[in-house]
PDB file of N, CA and C in Angstrom:
ATOM      1  N   MET A   1    -119.461  37.752 -32.241  1.00  0.00           N
ATOM      2  CA  MET A   1    -118.451  37.102 -33.038  1.00  0.00           C
ATOM      3  C   MET A   1    -118.660  35.581 -33.045  1.00  0.00           C
ATOM      4  N   VAL A   2    -118.956  35.026 -31.904  1.00  0.00           N
ATOM      5  CA  VAL A   2    -119.162  33.579 -31.815  1.00  0.00           C
ATOM      6  C   VAL A   2    -120.318  33.144 -32.712  1.00  0.00           C
ATOM      7  N   SER A   3    -121.391  33.903 -32.691  1.00  0.00           N
ATOM      8  CA  SER A   3    -122.551  33.536 -33.504  1.00  0.00           C
ATOM      9  C   SER A   3    -122.206  33.543 -34.990  1.00  0.00           C
ATOM     10  N   VAL A   4    -121.385  34.486 -35.430  1.00  0.00           N
ATOM     11  CA  VAL A   4    -120.977  34.542 -36.839  1.00  0.00           C
ATOM     12  C   VAL A   4    -120.165  33.310 -37.201  1.00  0.00           C
ATOM     13  N   LEU A   5    -119.260  32.930 -36.336  1.00  0.00           N
ATOM     14  CA  LEU A   5    -118.438  31.749 -36.609  1.00  0.00           C
ATOM     15  C   LEU A   5    -119.290  30.485 -36.694  1.00  0.00           C
ATOM     16  N   ILE A   6    -120.242  30.348 -35.790  1.00  0.00           N
ATOM     17  CA  ILE A   6    -121.118  29.182 -35.810  1.00  0.00           C
ATOM     18  C   ILE A   6    -121.992  29.187 -37.059  1.00  0.00           C
ATOM     19  N   GLU A   7    -122.552  30.351 -37.386  1.00  0.00           N
ATOM     20  CA  GLU A   7    -123.385  30.472 -38.587  1.00  0.00           C
ATOM     21  C   GLU A   7    -122.620  30.068 -39.841  1.00  0.00           C
ATOM     22  N   ARG A   8    -121.326  30.339 -39.856  1.00  0.00           N
ATOM     23  CA  ARG A   8    -120.510  30.046 -41.035  1.00  0.00           C
ATOM     24  C   ARG A   8    -119.847  28.672 -40.982  1.00  0.00           C
ATOM     25  N   GLY A   9    -120.261  27.875 -40.003  1.00  0.00           N
ATOM     26  CA  GLY A   9    -119.837  26.478 -39.990  1.00  0.00           C
ATOM     27  C   GLY A   9    -118.617  26.141 -39.159  1.00  0.00           C
ATOM     28  N   ALA A  10    -118.245  27.006 -38.227  1.00  0.00           N
ATOM     29  CA  ALA A  10    -117.093  26.697 -37.373  1.00  0.00           C
ATOM     30  C   ALA A  10    -117.348  25.411 -36.596  1.00  0.00           C
ATOM     31  N   ASP A  11    -116.324  24.601 -36.489  1.00  0.00           N
ATOM     32  CA  ASP A  11    -116.429  23.339 -35.756  1.00  0.00           C
ATOM     33  C   ASP A  11    -116.115  23.590 -34.284  1.00  0.00           C
ATOM     34  N   ILE A  12    -117.151  23.627 -33.472  1.00  0.00           N
ATOM     35  CA  ILE A  12    -116.961  23.924 -32.051  1.00  0.00           C
ATOM     36  C   ILE A  12    -116.494  22.708 -31.255  1.00  0.00           C
ATOM     37  N   THR A  13    -116.324  21.591 -31.925  1.00  0.00           N
ATOM     38  CA  THR A  13    -115.856  20.388 -31.238  1.00  0.00           C
ATOM     39  C   THR A  13    -114.339  20.217 -31.327  1.00  0.00           C
ATOM     40  N   LEU A  14    -113.674  21.063 -32.102  1.00  0.00           N
ATOM     41  CA  LEU A  14    -112.220  20.967 -32.211  1.00  0.00           C
ATOM     42  C   LEU A  14    -111.574  21.226 -30.867  1.00  0.00           C
ATOM     43  N   LYS A  15    -110.426  20.594 -30.668  1.00  0.00           N
ATOM     44  CA  LYS A  15    -109.707  20.764 -29.401  1.00  0.00           C
ATOM     45  C   LYS A  15    -108.305  21.285 -29.678  1.00  0.00           C
ATOM     46  N   ASN A  16    -107.765  22.030 -28.714  1.00  0.00           N
ATOM     47  CA  ASN A  16    -106.405  22.543 -28.853  1.00  0.00           C
ATOM     48  C   ASN A  16    -105.392  21.456 -28.480  1.00  0.00           C
ATOM     49  N   LYS A  17    -104.126  21.821 -28.470  1.00  0.00           N
ATOM     50  CA  LYS A  17    -103.059  20.848 -28.187  1.00  0.00           C
ATOM     51  C   LYS A  17    -103.181  20.216 -26.803  1.00  0.00           C
ATOM     52  N   ARG A  18    -103.824  20.887 -25.901  1.00  0.00           N
ATOM     53  CA  ARG A  18    -103.985  20.369 -24.542  1.00  0.00           C
ATOM     54  C   ARG A  18    -105.286  19.598 -24.361  1.00  0.00           C
ATOM     55  N   GLY A  19    -106.062  19.502 -25.437  1.00  0.00           N
ATOM     56  CA  GLY A  19    -107.293  18.727 -25.373  1.00  0.00           C
ATOM     57  C   GLY A  19    -108.529  19.494 -24.943  1.00  0.00           C
ATOM     58  N   TYR A  20    -108.446  20.822 -24.946  1.00  0.00           N
ATOM     59  CA  TYR A  20    -109.580  21.646 -24.538  1.00  0.00           C
ATOM     60  C   TYR A  20    -110.370  22.140 -25.747  1.00  0.00           C
ATOM     61  N   SER A  21    -111.696  22.103 -25.620  1.00  0.00           N
ATOM     62  CA  SER A  21    -112.564  22.652 -26.659  1.00  0.00           C
ATOM     63  C   SER A  21    -112.950  24.079 -26.268  1.00  0.00           C
ATOM     64  N   VAL A  22    -113.687  24.761 -27.152  1.00  0.00           N
ATOM     65  CA  VAL A  22    -114.129  26.117 -26.827  1.00  0.00           C
ATOM     66  C   VAL A  22    -115.059  26.122 -25.613  1.00  0.00           C
ATOM     67  N   VAL A  23    -115.830  25.075 -25.445  1.00  0.00           N
ATOM     68  CA  VAL A  23    -116.707  24.981 -24.273  1.00  0.00           C
ATOM     69  C   VAL A  23    -115.865  24.881 -23.007  1.00  0.00           C
ATOM     70  N   ASP A  24    -114.772  24.134 -23.072  1.00  0.00           N
ATOM     71  CA  ASP A  24    -113.887  24.000 -21.918  1.00  0.00           C
ATOM     72  C   ASP A  24    -113.206  25.327 -21.561  1.00  0.00           C
ATOM     73  N   MET A  25    -112.909  26.130 -22.560  1.00  0.00           N
ATOM     74  CA  MET A  25    -112.128  27.347 -22.362  1.00  0.00           C
ATOM     75  C   MET A  25    -112.955  28.590 -22.044  1.00  0.00           C
ATOM     76  N   SER A  26    -114.212  28.605 -22.394  1.00  0.00           N
ATOM     77  CA  SER A  26    -115.028  29.806 -22.190  1.00  0.00           C
ATOM     78  C   SER A  26    -115.509  29.913 -20.750  1.00  0.00           C
ATOM     79  N   ASP A  27    -115.481  31.144 -20.236  1.00  0.00           N
ATOM     80  CA  ASP A  27    -116.040  31.385 -18.913  1.00  0.00           C
ATOM     81  C   ASP A  27    -117.219  32.361 -18.979  1.00  0.00           C
ATOM     82  N   ASN A  28    -117.637  32.685 -20.197  1.00  0.00           N
ATOM     83  CA  ASN A  28    -118.777  33.582 -20.393  1.00  0.00           C
ATOM     84  C   ASN A  28    -120.051  32.749 -20.464  1.00  0.00           C
ATOM     85  N   PRO A  29    -120.985  32.943 -19.533  1.00  0.00           N
ATOM     86  CA  PRO A  29    -122.202  32.120 -19.503  1.00  0.00           C
ATOM     87  C   PRO A  29    -123.046  32.217 -20.771  1.00  0.00           C
ATOM     88  N   ASP A  30    -123.102  33.410 -21.380  1.00  0.00           N
ATOM     89  CA  ASP A  30    -123.879  33.557 -22.619  1.00  0.00           C
ATOM     90  C   ASP A  30    -123.268  32.754 -23.755  1.00  0.00           C
ATOM     91  N   ILE A  31    -121.952  32.790 -23.859  1.00  0.00           N
ATOM     92  CA  ILE A  31    -121.279  32.024 -24.914  1.00  0.00           C
ATOM     93  C   ILE A  31    -121.421  30.533 -24.657  1.00  0.00           C
ATOM     94  N   LEU A  32    -121.297  30.123 -23.417  1.00  0.00           N
ATOM     95  CA  LEU A  32    -121.476  28.702 -23.086  1.00  0.00           C
ATOM     96  C   LEU A  32    -122.877  28.225 -23.449  1.00  0.00           C
ATOM     97  N   ASP A  33    -123.887  29.024 -23.129  1.00  0.00           N
ATOM     98  CA  ASP A  33    -125.259  28.663 -23.498  1.00  0.00           C
ATOM     99  C   ASP A  33    -125.394  28.531 -25.007  1.00  0.00           C
ATOM    100  N   LEU A  34    -124.805  29.462 -25.722  1.00  0.00           N
ATOM    101  CA  LEU A  34    -124.850  29.447 -27.180  1.00  0.00           C
ATOM    102  C   LEU A  34    -124.190  28.187 -27.737  1.00  0.00           C
ATOM    103  N   LEU A  35    -123.022  27.878 -27.234  1.00  0.00           N
ATOM    104  CA  LEU A  35    -122.292  26.708 -27.716  1.00  0.00           C
ATOM    105  C   LEU A  35    -123.007  25.405 -27.378  1.00  0.00           C
ATOM    106  N   LYS A  36    -123.559  25.331 -26.192  1.00  0.00           N
ATOM    107  CA  LYS A  36    -124.217  24.098 -25.761  1.00  0.00           C
ATOM    108  C   LYS A  36    -125.575  23.900 -26.418  1.00  0.00           C
ATOM    109  N   SER A  37    -126.289  24.994 -26.657  1.00  0.00           N
ATOM    110  CA  SER A  37    -127.628  24.876 -27.238  1.00  0.00           C
ATOM    111  C   SER A  37    -127.583  24.701 -28.751  1.00  0.00           C
ATOM    112  N   GLY A  38    -126.553  25.274 -29.356  1.00  0.00           N
ATOM    113  CA  GLY A  38    -126.469  25.215 -30.814  1.00  0.00           C
ATOM    114  C   GLY A  38    -127.419  26.169 -31.495  1.00  0.00           C
ATOM    115  N   SER A  39    -128.116  26.992 -30.721  1.00  0.00           N
ATOM    116  CA  SER A  39    -129.070  27.941 -31.270  1.00  0.00           C
ATOM    117  C   SER A  39    -128.589  29.354 -31.030  1.00  0.00           C
ATOM    118  N   ILE A  40    -128.257  30.052 -32.080  1.00  0.00           N
ATOM    119  CA  ILE A  40    -127.737  31.398 -31.996  1.00  0.00           C
ATOM    120  C   ILE A  40    -128.795  32.367 -31.482  1.00  0.00           C
ATOM    121  N   ASP A  41    -130.031  32.193 -31.889  1.00  0.00           N
ATOM    122  CA  ASP A  41    -131.090  33.117 -31.515  1.00  0.00           C
ATOM    123  C   ASP A  41    -131.366  33.119 -30.019  1.00  0.00           C
ATOM    124  N   ASP A  42    -131.088  32.020 -29.318  1.00  0.00           N
ATOM    125  CA  ASP A  42    -131.361  31.932 -27.892  1.00  0.00           C
ATOM    126  C   ASP A  42    -130.536  32.917 -27.073  1.00  0.00           C
ATOM    127  N   VAL A  43    -129.328  33.211 -27.516  1.00  0.00           N
ATOM    128  CA  VAL A  43    -128.412  33.995 -26.710  1.00  0.00           C
ATOM    129  C   VAL A  43    -128.083  35.339 -27.339  1.00  0.00           C
ATOM    130  N   GLU A  44    -128.286  35.480 -28.619  1.00  0.00           N
ATOM    131  CA  GLU A  44    -127.820  36.661 -29.335  1.00  0.00           C
ATOM    132  C   GLU A  44    -128.273  37.965 -28.701  1.00  0.00           C
ATOM    133  N   GLU A  45    -129.522  38.085 -28.321  1.00  0.00           N
ATOM    134  CA  GLU A  45    -130.010  39.329 -27.742  1.00  0.00           C
ATOM    135  C   GLU A  45    -129.333  39.640 -26.419  1.00  0.00           C
ATOM    136  N   SER A  46    -129.106  38.655 -25.597  1.00  0.00           N
ATOM    137  CA  SER A  46    -128.502  38.905 -24.298  1.00  0.00           C
ATOM    138  C   SER A  46    -127.001  39.128 -24.401  1.00  0.00           C
ATOM    139  N   SER A  47    -126.401  38.827 -25.546  1.00  0.00           N
ATOM    140  CA  SER A  47    -124.965  38.991 -25.724  1.00  0.00           C
ATOM    141  C   SER A  47    -124.586  40.401 -26.126  1.00  0.00           C
ATOM    142  N   VAL A  48    -125.534  41.200 -26.539  1.00  0.00           N
ATOM    143  CA  VAL A  48    -125.252  42.557 -26.981  1.00  0.00           C
ATOM    144  C   VAL A  48    -124.986  43.434 -25.765  1.00  0.00           C
ATOM    145  N   ARG A  49    -123.846  44.082 -25.766  1.00  0.00           N
ATOM    146  CA  ARG A  49    -123.510  44.995 -24.689  1.00  0.00           C
ATOM    147  C   ARG A  49    -124.331  46.266 -24.835  1.00  0.00           C
ATOM    148  N   PRO A  50    -124.670  46.912 -23.734  1.00  0.00           N
ATOM    149  CA  PRO A  50    -125.481  48.125 -23.806  1.00  0.00           C
ATOM    150  C   PRO A  50    -124.907  49.173 -24.752  1.00  0.00           C
ATOM    151  N   GLU A  51    -123.577  49.333 -24.795  1.00  0.00           N
ATOM    152  CA  GLU A  51    -122.987  50.332 -25.669  1.00  0.00           C
ATOM    153  C   GLU A  51    -123.080  49.945 -27.134  1.00  0.00           C
ATOM    154  N   GLN A  52    -123.358  48.666 -27.433  1.00  0.00           N
ATOM    155  CA  GLN A  52    -123.492  48.200 -28.809  1.00  0.00           C
ATOM    156  C   GLN A  52    -124.941  48.274 -29.284  1.00  0.00           C
ATOM    157  N   ALA A  53    -125.871  48.342 -28.371  1.00  0.00           N
ATOM    158  CA  ALA A  53    -127.285  48.332 -28.732  1.00  0.00           C
ATOM    159  C   ALA A  53    -127.648  49.616 -29.457  1.00  0.00           C
ATOM    160  N   GLN A  54    -128.446  49.468 -30.499  1.00  0.00           N
ATOM    161  CA  GLN A  54    -128.904  50.627 -31.250  1.00  0.00           C
ATOM    162  C   GLN A  54    -130.240  51.079 -30.726  1.00  0.00           C
ATOM    163  N   THR A  55    -130.408  52.387 -30.639  1.00  0.00           N
ATOM    164  CA  THR A  55    -131.683  52.912 -30.150  1.00  0.00           C
ATOM    165  C   THR A  55    -132.447  53.585 -31.253  1.00  0.00           C
TER     166      THR A  55
END
């Protein structure tokens, strides 16, 4: 989901009312890597859960 939002131009620098950005709020290492690197391809494969993977 995060990769789709970024691909479609979501502004990941926006902050909520308390001053937190998505980077501040995420505790998922794969999502953090994605947000910090700005490259969807770097993390996309590792973000797929085993039950979502197609065989």
